[in-house]
Amino acid sequence: MKTIFHVDMDAFFVSVEEIFDPSLKGKPVVVGGRPDQRGVVSAASYAARKFGVHSALPLRTAYKLCPRAIFLDGHPERYREYSHQVFRVLQGFSPVVEMASIDEAYLDLTGTQRLLGPPLQAAHRLHETMKRETGLNCSVGIARSRMVAKVCSDQAKPNGVLWIVPGAEARFLAPLDVRRIPGVGQVTEKNLHALGIRKVGDLARLDEAFLEARFGKWGLALAGKARGADAGGWFDSEIGAGEDPKSISHEHTFDTDTTDLTRLDATLARLSEKVGRRLREHGLFTRTVQLKLRYSDFSTITRAHTLDRATGIDIELIEHARALFLKNWNGRPVRLVGVHAGSLEAAEGQQMSLLDNSRQERWRKALEAVDKLRDRYGESSVSLASGMQGGYQERVHENPEGLPGKGPERQGRR
């Protein structure tokens, strides 16, 4: 029988900031930007959460709720470094570790009882080691399924441990709000409420055929999750399987709408570089480059171009994104730009000539060297010339490039 841990770092971004500035401890702190900026909260301290501030809340709304809060832009490089430290600690407890985001991970501890002791003992040892090695607190959920382990860690916050013994999953889940089920967002919650389903127990009592008729395959997944099973989407895979993404994208919202062509072009170049970095992390290549443009009135357009061959070379992504922009921009002030790579493939397309082959190989070697420099000195340490003026401050979010355990070499590929 499996023993799965879900480890979730407590208020990760804020906790890292407190290591560098202990005066922040106990105060309402918001990480993600300034209160007069566009954008959303990336993390809030527990003191700020008491005022209703939470992640994904607009920064300006957070300020209205808690004007006394300390607003920080954040330090993405610090967070990546501490994420790597967390990863190293977790590897000391299990060889099967999967970072779900920058501050949470799944561990398979099946069969480790003789080495680490029973689940609760192992969890307390992990707690102590994590605090000693990183200075950070974490919450640990334990169950025989990933889904229940994730729910447990959330219930255990902050700095707690919760173990659901095998067979007690449905009883544990029954009184919880349906929103507690991973994957249930506002739309699904609203649809379930319309059917009189408010608790997980309500969901568990419904017939699978009824749920499938209402919600399709997602209805069957909901039925499985209500019983505590790993069902649907991301939970279908084994820990460490390292499923490839279906698409990769990066976007940037300007603090003030702009018509500055130089700035827009440089920002597109920087976004394309970030997409290229992600592609190389996963050992993937793209056949489709898509541009996203949002104007000051929030009207949004997307335009895509299908490539003759798959690529993962930054300069080619930049060229295609730039061409799409110049063809489709109408000169109005731009609020947001984005670059999206779709139709992902595991192999690069065939080259047109020996000259193309030589060019590709030179770029590939150069970008591999650049990635190594970024791993060592940070994502903003190196940029192509075309993207240097697009060196906007990186937004803090939970799935940046350069995360531990995400590269193809670590996943046994290539």
Protein backbone atom coordinates (compact mmCIF):
# COMPACT_ATOMS: atom_id res chain seq x y z
CA MET A 1 0.00 0.00 0.00
CA LYS A 2 1.36 3.40 -1.01
CA THR A 3 2.47 6.11 1.40
CA ILE A 4 2.40 9.53 -0.27
CA PHE A 5 3.59 12.80 1.27
CA HIS A 6 2.52 16.21 0.01
CA VAL A 7 4.90 18.85 1.35
CA ASP A 8 3.75 22.46 1.08
CA MET A 9 6.02 25.27 2.24
CA ASP A 10 4.21 27.74 4.52
CA ALA A 11 3.83 31.24 3.01
CA PHE A 12 6.96 30.45 1.02
CA PHE A 13 7.73 33.79 -0.63
CA VAL A 14 7.04 35.73 2.57
CA SER A 15 9.04 33.26 4.68
CA VAL A 16 12.08 33.66 2.43
CA GLU A 17 11.79 37.44 2.70
CA GLU A 18 11.69 37.11 6.50
CA ILE A 19 15.02 35.25 6.47
CA PHE A 20 16.66 38.26 4.84
CA ASP A 21 14.66 40.81 6.86
CA PRO A 22 13.59 39.41 10.26
CA SER A 23 11.76 42.68 11.04
CA LEU A 24 8.97 41.46 8.72
CA LYS A 25 8.01 38.61 11.04
CA GLY A 26 4.50 38.88 12.46
CA LYS A 27 3.59 41.79 10.19
CA PRO A 28 1.12 41.89 7.29
CA VAL A 29 3.32 41.38 4.23
CA VAL A 30 2.25 41.15 0.59
CA VAL A 31 4.62 39.85 -2.10
CA GLY A 32 3.98 40.49 -5.77
CA GLY A 33 4.29 44.22 -6.40
CA ARG A 34 3.48 47.70 -5.19
CA PRO A 35 -0.05 48.68 -4.16
CA ASP A 36 -0.39 51.13 -7.08
CA GLN A 37 0.71 48.59 -9.68
CA ARG A 38 -1.27 46.34 -11.94
CA GLY A 39 -0.91 42.71 -11.11
CA VAL A 40 -1.95 40.34 -8.38
CA VAL A 41 -0.77 39.14 -4.99
CA SER A 42 1.72 36.28 -5.23
CA ALA A 43 1.77 35.56 -1.50
CA ALA A 44 0.51 37.05 1.75
CA SER A 45 1.70 36.52 5.30
CA TYR A 46 -0.72 34.97 7.75
CA ALA A 47 -1.07 38.40 9.40
CA ALA A 48 -2.22 39.86 6.05
CA ARG A 49 -4.60 36.97 5.41
CA LYS A 50 -6.60 37.97 8.47
CA PHE A 51 -7.68 41.05 6.49
CA GLY A 52 -8.87 38.95 3.55
CA VAL A 53 -5.70 39.29 1.47
CA HIS A 54 -4.83 36.16 -0.50
CA SER A 55 -2.91 35.07 -3.59
CA ALA A 56 -4.33 36.09 -6.99
CA LEU A 57 -6.09 39.11 -5.43
CA PRO A 58 -5.43 42.37 -7.34
CA LEU A 59 -2.74 44.38 -5.60
CA ARG A 60 -4.91 47.49 -5.47
CA THR A 61 -7.69 45.51 -3.80
CA ALA A 62 -5.20 44.10 -1.30
CA TYR A 63 -4.18 47.66 -0.39
CA LYS A 64 -7.81 48.65 0.21
CA LEU A 65 -8.27 45.65 2.51
CA CYS A 66 -5.01 46.15 4.37
CA PRO A 67 -3.42 49.58 3.81
CA ARG A 68 -0.94 48.95 6.63
CA ALA A 69 0.55 45.97 4.82
CA ILE A 70 4.15 46.00 3.64
CA PHE A 71 4.16 45.50 -0.14
CA LEU A 72 7.24 43.89 -1.70
CA ASP A 73 8.13 43.27 -5.33
CA GLY A 74 9.80 40.04 -4.30
CA HIS A 75 13.06 38.34 -5.26
CA PRO A 76 12.46 35.52 -7.79
CA GLU A 77 16.12 34.44 -7.76
CA ARG A 78 16.04 33.95 -3.99
CA TYR A 79 12.87 31.89 -4.26
CA ARG A 80 14.40 29.64 -6.93
CA GLU A 81 17.50 29.11 -4.79
CA TYR A 82 15.45 28.18 -1.73
CA SER A 83 13.28 25.90 -3.87
CA HIS A 84 16.45 24.04 -4.81
CA GLN A 85 17.38 23.81 -1.12
CA VAL A 86 13.94 22.37 -0.36
CA PHE A 87 14.35 19.87 -3.19
CA ARG A 88 17.68 18.68 -1.79
CA VAL A 89 16.13 18.12 1.65
CA LEU A 90 13.27 16.12 0.15
CA GLN A 91 15.67 13.96 -1.84
CA GLY A 92 17.17 12.89 1.48
CA PHE A 93 13.83 11.27 2.38
CA SER A 94 12.82 9.66 -0.91
CA PRO A 95 14.38 9.05 -4.34
CA VAL A 96 10.94 9.72 -5.85
CA VAL A 97 10.29 13.45 -5.55
CA GLU A 98 8.19 15.61 -7.86
CA MET A 99 8.12 19.38 -7.47
CA ALA A 100 4.55 20.38 -8.27
CA SER A 101 5.50 24.06 -8.10
CA ILE A 102 8.20 26.25 -6.59
CA ASP A 103 6.96 25.59 -3.05
CA GLU A 104 5.24 22.20 -3.01
CA ALA A 105 6.19 18.62 -3.80
CA TYR A 106 4.99 15.03 -3.73
CA LEU A 107 7.12 12.26 -2.25
CA ASP A 108 6.57 8.51 -2.51
CA LEU A 109 7.69 7.06 0.83
CA THR A 110 6.32 3.58 0.18
CA GLY A 111 8.65 0.98 1.67
CA THR A 112 10.78 3.43 3.68
CA GLN A 113 9.36 2.56 7.11
CA ARG A 114 12.40 0.54 8.24
CA LEU A 115 14.66 3.45 7.38
CA LEU A 116 12.53 6.46 8.38
CA GLY A 117 9.98 4.96 10.76
CA PRO A 118 6.15 5.14 10.56
CA PRO A 119 4.60 7.96 8.48
CA LEU A 120 4.11 10.41 11.36
CA GLN A 121 7.63 9.86 12.64
CA ALA A 122 9.05 10.37 9.14
CA ALA A 123 7.00 13.55 8.74
CA HIS A 124 8.27 15.02 12.00
CA ARG A 125 11.84 14.18 10.99
CA LEU A 126 11.23 15.95 7.68
CA HIS A 127 9.84 18.98 9.53
CA GLU A 128 12.92 19.23 11.70
CA THR A 129 15.35 18.71 8.83
CA MET A 130 13.61 21.27 6.65
CA LYS A 131 13.73 23.91 9.39
CA ARG A 132 17.35 23.16 10.20
CA GLU A 133 18.59 23.11 6.60
CA THR A 134 16.52 25.94 5.09
CA GLY A 135 15.11 27.96 7.97
CA LEU A 136 11.61 27.43 6.56
CA ASN A 137 8.46 25.78 7.89
CA CYS A 138 6.33 23.37 5.93
CA SER A 139 3.06 21.47 6.25
CA VAL A 140 2.88 17.78 5.43
CA GLY A 141 -0.13 15.78 4.27
CA ILE A 142 0.07 11.97 4.31
CA ALA A 143 -2.26 9.52 2.59
CA ARG A 144 -2.23 6.62 0.16
CA SER A 145 -3.27 8.93 -2.71
CA ARG A 146 -1.78 12.15 -4.00
CA MET A 147 -5.14 13.91 -4.00
CA VAL A 148 -5.89 13.25 -0.34
CA ALA A 149 -2.31 14.05 0.67
CA LYS A 150 -2.66 17.47 -0.97
CA VAL A 151 -5.94 18.16 0.83
CA CYS A 152 -4.31 17.04 4.10
CA SER A 153 -1.37 19.45 3.82
CA ASP A 154 -3.79 22.33 3.27
CA GLN A 155 -5.78 21.31 6.36
CA ALA A 156 -2.55 21.01 8.38
CA LYS A 157 -1.37 24.59 7.74
CA PRO A 158 0.55 26.22 9.12
CA ASN A 159 3.53 24.05 10.13
CA GLY A 160 1.45 20.94 10.80
CA VAL A 161 1.19 17.28 9.88
CA LEU A 162 -1.99 15.39 9.02
CA TRP A 163 -2.14 11.66 8.24
CA ILE A 164 -5.27 9.98 6.96
CA VAL A 165 -4.96 6.25 7.62
CA PRO A 166 -5.96 3.93 4.76
CA GLY A 167 -9.69 3.41 4.61
CA ALA A 168 -10.62 6.71 6.27
CA GLU A 169 -10.34 8.90 3.14
CA ALA A 170 -14.06 9.26 2.37
CA ARG A 171 -14.91 9.98 6.01
CA PHE A 172 -12.22 12.66 6.17
CA LEU A 173 -13.33 14.34 2.94
CA ALA A 174 -17.11 14.19 3.49
CA PRO A 175 -17.55 17.36 5.65
CA LEU A 176 -15.24 19.52 3.53
CA ASP A 177 -16.53 22.09 1.02
CA VAL A 178 -16.38 20.83 -2.57
CA ARG A 179 -13.97 23.68 -3.36
CA ARG A 180 -11.38 21.80 -1.29
CA ILE A 181 -11.11 19.18 -4.04
CA PRO A 182 -8.09 20.03 -6.20
CA GLY A 183 -9.27 21.11 -9.63
CA VAL A 184 -12.65 22.44 -8.52
CA GLY A 185 -12.67 26.12 -9.40
CA GLN A 186 -15.31 28.83 -9.21
CA VAL A 187 -17.24 27.63 -12.27
CA THR A 188 -17.42 23.98 -11.18
CA GLU A 189 -18.25 25.03 -7.62
CA LYS A 190 -21.13 27.18 -8.90
CA ASN A 191 -22.46 24.33 -11.05
CA LEU A 192 -22.26 21.90 -8.13
CA HIS A 193 -24.01 24.34 -5.80
CA ALA A 194 -26.80 24.65 -8.36
CA LEU A 195 -27.33 20.91 -7.94
CA GLY A 196 -27.41 21.23 -4.15
CA ILE A 197 -23.90 19.82 -3.79
CA ARG A 198 -21.93 21.80 -1.23
CA LYS A 199 -19.92 19.20 0.67
CA VAL A 200 -17.70 16.43 -0.65
CA GLY A 201 -20.01 13.97 1.07
CA ASP A 202 -22.90 15.27 -1.05
CA LEU A 203 -20.82 14.56 -4.13
CA ALA A 204 -19.82 11.08 -2.98
CA ARG A 205 -23.47 10.05 -2.63
CA LEU A 206 -24.28 10.81 -6.28
CA ASP A 207 -24.34 8.13 -8.95
CA GLU A 208 -21.35 8.13 -11.32
CA ALA A 209 -23.65 7.94 -14.33
CA PHE A 210 -25.43 11.12 -13.21
CA LEU A 211 -22.12 12.99 -12.77
CA GLU A 212 -20.84 11.78 -16.13
CA ALA A 213 -24.05 12.92 -17.82
CA ARG A 214 -23.69 16.37 -16.22
CA PHE A 215 -19.93 16.92 -16.44
CA GLY A 216 -18.57 14.30 -18.86
CA LYS A 217 -15.21 12.71 -17.99
CA TRP A 218 -14.67 15.39 -15.35
CA GLY A 219 -17.80 14.08 -13.60
CA LEU A 220 -16.24 10.63 -13.34
CA ALA A 221 -13.05 12.20 -11.98
CA LEU A 222 -15.08 14.11 -9.39
CA ALA A 223 -16.74 10.88 -8.28
CA GLY A 224 -13.34 9.27 -7.80
CA LYS A 225 -11.90 12.23 -5.94
CA ALA A 226 -14.89 12.35 -3.59
CA ARG A 227 -13.91 8.84 -2.49
CA GLY A 228 -10.26 9.83 -2.06
CA ALA A 229 -8.89 8.36 -5.28
CA ASP A 230 -6.34 9.85 -7.64
CA ALA A 231 -8.63 10.56 -10.57
CA GLY A 232 -8.60 12.99 -13.44
CA GLY A 233 -5.97 15.04 -15.17
CA TRP A 234 -2.75 15.61 -13.31
CA PHE A 235 -3.49 13.01 -10.60
CA ASP A 236 -3.59 10.18 -13.14
CA SER A 237 0.20 9.99 -13.43
CA GLU A 238 2.75 8.46 -11.10
CA ILE A 239 4.94 10.68 -8.93
CA GLY A 240 8.06 11.62 -10.87
CA ALA A 241 6.53 10.66 -14.22
CA GLY A 242 7.27 14.20 -15.40
CA GLU A 243 4.42 14.65 -17.87
CA ASP A 244 5.23 17.07 -20.65
CA PRO A 245 3.24 20.30 -20.87
CA LYS A 246 0.73 20.68 -23.70
CA SER A 247 1.83 24.28 -24.30
CA ILE A 248 4.21 26.87 -22.87
CA SER A 249 3.57 30.59 -22.59
CA HIS A 250 4.81 33.76 -20.93
CA GLU A 251 3.13 37.15 -20.85
CA HIS A 252 3.75 40.56 -19.35
CA THR A 253 1.37 43.32 -18.24
CA PHE A 254 2.88 46.80 -18.49
CA ASP A 255 2.50 49.11 -15.51
CA THR A 256 1.32 51.78 -17.96
CA ASP A 257 -0.11 51.16 -21.43
CA THR A 258 2.49 51.78 -24.11
CA THR A 259 2.92 52.47 -27.82
CA ASP A 260 6.73 52.51 -27.56
CA LEU A 261 7.72 50.13 -30.38
CA THR A 262 11.23 49.62 -29.02
CA ARG A 263 9.90 48.63 -25.63
CA LEU A 264 7.23 46.37 -27.10
CA ASP A 265 9.73 44.64 -29.39
CA ALA A 266 12.24 44.11 -26.57
CA THR A 267 9.53 42.73 -24.28
CA LEU A 268 8.44 40.25 -26.96
CA ALA A 269 12.06 39.17 -27.33
CA ARG A 270 12.45 38.60 -23.59
CA LEU A 271 9.20 36.64 -23.42
CA SER A 272 10.34 34.49 -26.36
CA GLU A 273 13.60 33.76 -24.53
CA LYS A 274 11.65 32.61 -21.48
CA VAL A 275 9.51 30.34 -23.64
CA GLY A 276 12.65 28.93 -25.27
CA ARG A 277 14.17 28.25 -21.85
CA ARG A 278 11.05 26.33 -20.80
CA LEU A 279 11.11 24.30 -24.02
CA ARG A 280 14.70 23.24 -23.37
CA GLU A 281 13.90 22.36 -19.76
CA HIS A 282 11.37 19.83 -21.03
CA GLY A 283 13.36 18.74 -24.08
CA LEU A 284 10.57 19.92 -26.37
CA PHE A 285 10.20 21.85 -29.63
CA THR A 286 7.30 23.92 -30.94
CA ARG A 287 5.53 23.94 -34.28
CA THR A 288 3.23 26.88 -33.46
CA VAL A 289 4.09 30.35 -32.17
CA GLN A 290 1.18 32.48 -30.98
CA LEU A 291 1.05 36.19 -30.10
CA LYS A 292 -1.32 37.63 -27.51
CA LEU A 293 -2.12 41.35 -27.52
CA ARG A 294 -4.35 43.13 -25.03
CA TYR A 295 -5.16 46.80 -25.51
CA SER A 296 -5.97 49.45 -22.92
CA ASP A 297 -9.72 48.81 -23.29
CA PHE A 298 -9.07 45.11 -22.45
CA SER A 299 -9.91 43.96 -25.98
CA THR A 300 -7.63 41.02 -26.74
CA ILE A 301 -6.47 39.34 -29.91
CA THR A 302 -4.44 36.16 -30.48
CA ARG A 303 -2.69 35.36 -33.73
CA ALA A 304 -0.73 32.18 -34.46
CA HIS A 305 1.79 31.03 -37.05
CA THR A 306 2.55 27.39 -37.86
CA LEU A 307 6.24 26.77 -38.51
CA ASP A 308 7.60 24.64 -41.35
CA ARG A 309 9.57 22.66 -38.77
CA ALA A 310 9.65 22.41 -35.00
CA THR A 311 12.19 24.59 -33.18
CA GLY A 312 13.41 25.45 -29.70
CA ILE A 313 15.82 28.22 -30.72
CA ASP A 314 15.18 31.57 -29.06
CA ILE A 315 16.08 33.72 -32.06
CA GLU A 316 13.58 31.86 -34.25
CA LEU A 317 10.84 32.28 -31.64
CA ILE A 318 11.68 35.99 -31.48
CA GLU A 319 11.54 36.36 -35.26
CA HIS A 320 8.12 34.73 -35.52
CA ALA A 321 6.67 36.62 -32.53
CA ARG A 322 7.97 39.90 -33.95
CA ALA A 323 6.48 39.20 -37.38
CA LEU A 324 3.09 38.42 -35.84
CA PHE A 325 3.22 41.63 -33.82
CA LEU A 326 4.16 43.90 -36.71
CA LYS A 327 1.44 42.35 -38.86
CA ASN A 328 -1.34 42.66 -36.28
CA TRP A 329 -0.63 45.66 -34.03
CA ASN A 330 -2.95 48.55 -34.90
CA GLY A 331 -0.92 51.25 -33.15
CA ARG A 332 -3.17 51.52 -30.09
CA PRO A 333 -1.72 51.53 -26.55
CA VAL A 334 -0.86 47.99 -25.42
CA ARG A 335 -1.63 46.74 -21.92
CA LEU A 336 -0.29 43.17 -22.23
CA VAL A 337 1.77 41.06 -24.62
CA GLY A 338 2.32 37.32 -24.54
CA VAL A 339 4.17 34.61 -26.45
CA HIS A 340 2.75 31.10 -26.59
CA ALA A 341 4.32 27.89 -27.95
CA GLY A 342 1.94 25.12 -28.97
CA SER A 343 1.91 21.89 -30.99
CA LEU A 344 4.86 20.68 -28.94
CA GLU A 345 7.01 17.83 -30.19
CA ALA A 346 9.81 15.73 -28.75
CA ALA A 347 12.01 16.05 -31.85
CA GLU A 348 13.35 19.03 -33.74
CA GLY A 349 12.25 19.51 -37.35
CA GLN A 350 14.48 18.63 -40.28
CA GLN A 351 16.74 21.40 -41.55
CA MET A 352 16.62 22.78 -45.08
CA SER A 353 20.38 22.66 -45.77
CA LEU A 354 23.82 22.04 -44.29
CA LEU A 355 24.08 25.78 -43.64
CA ASP A 356 20.87 25.64 -41.58
CA ASN A 357 22.23 22.61 -39.71
CA SER A 358 25.41 24.48 -38.84
CA ARG A 359 23.47 27.57 -37.71
CA GLN A 360 21.14 25.49 -35.55
CA GLU A 361 24.02 23.66 -33.89
CA ARG A 362 25.84 26.90 -33.06
CA TRP A 363 22.68 28.38 -31.54
CA ARG A 364 21.97 25.19 -29.61
CA LYS A 365 25.42 25.15 -28.01
CA ALA A 366 25.25 28.87 -27.24
CA LEU A 367 21.83 28.55 -25.58
CA GLU A 368 22.93 25.53 -23.53
CA ALA A 369 25.80 27.67 -22.21
CA VAL A 370 23.39 30.53 -21.50
CA ASP A 371 21.07 28.20 -19.58
CA LYS A 372 23.98 27.05 -17.41
CA LEU A 373 24.86 30.67 -16.63
CA ARG A 374 21.22 31.37 -15.73
CA ASP A 375 21.15 28.30 -13.48
CA ARG A 376 24.17 29.66 -11.64
CA TYR A 377 23.62 33.41 -11.65
CA GLY A 378 19.87 33.85 -12.18
CA GLU A 379 17.41 34.08 -15.05
CA SER A 380 18.06 37.78 -15.68
CA SER A 381 21.86 37.42 -15.78
CA VAL A 382 22.06 36.79 -19.55
CA SER A 383 19.81 37.97 -22.38
CA LEU A 384 19.98 38.27 -26.14
CA ALA A 385 20.70 41.80 -27.33
CA SER A 386 17.20 42.19 -28.74
CA GLY A 387 15.68 41.44 -25.34
CA MET A 388 17.94 43.54 -23.13
CA GLN A 389 15.64 46.57 -23.15
CA GLY A 390 12.80 44.23 -22.28
CA GLY A 391 14.39 43.48 -18.93
CA TYR A 392 11.23 44.19 -16.98
CA GLN A 393 11.11 43.12 -13.37
CA GLU A 394 10.19 39.46 -13.25
CA ARG A 395 6.80 38.80 -11.70
CA VAL A 396 6.74 36.42 -8.78
CA HIS A 397 4.77 33.26 -9.50
CA GLU A 398 4.74 29.61 -8.50
CA ASN A 399 5.94 28.04 -11.75
CA PRO A 400 8.89 30.04 -13.07
CA GLU A 401 11.57 28.59 -15.31
CA GLY A 402 14.63 27.05 -13.65
CA LEU A 403 12.80 24.92 -11.06
CA PRO A 404 14.51 21.88 -9.52
CA GLY A 405 13.81 18.46 -11.00
CA LYS A 406 12.26 19.84 -14.19
CA GLY A 407 15.01 19.39 -16.79
CA PRO A 408 14.97 16.47 -19.25
CA GLU A 409 18.28 15.18 -17.89
CA ARG A 410 16.76 14.84 -14.40
CA GLN A 411 13.81 12.98 -15.84
CA GLY A 412 16.01 10.47 -17.61
CA ARG A 413 15.41 11.85 -21.09
CA ARG A 414 17.83 12.34 -23.96
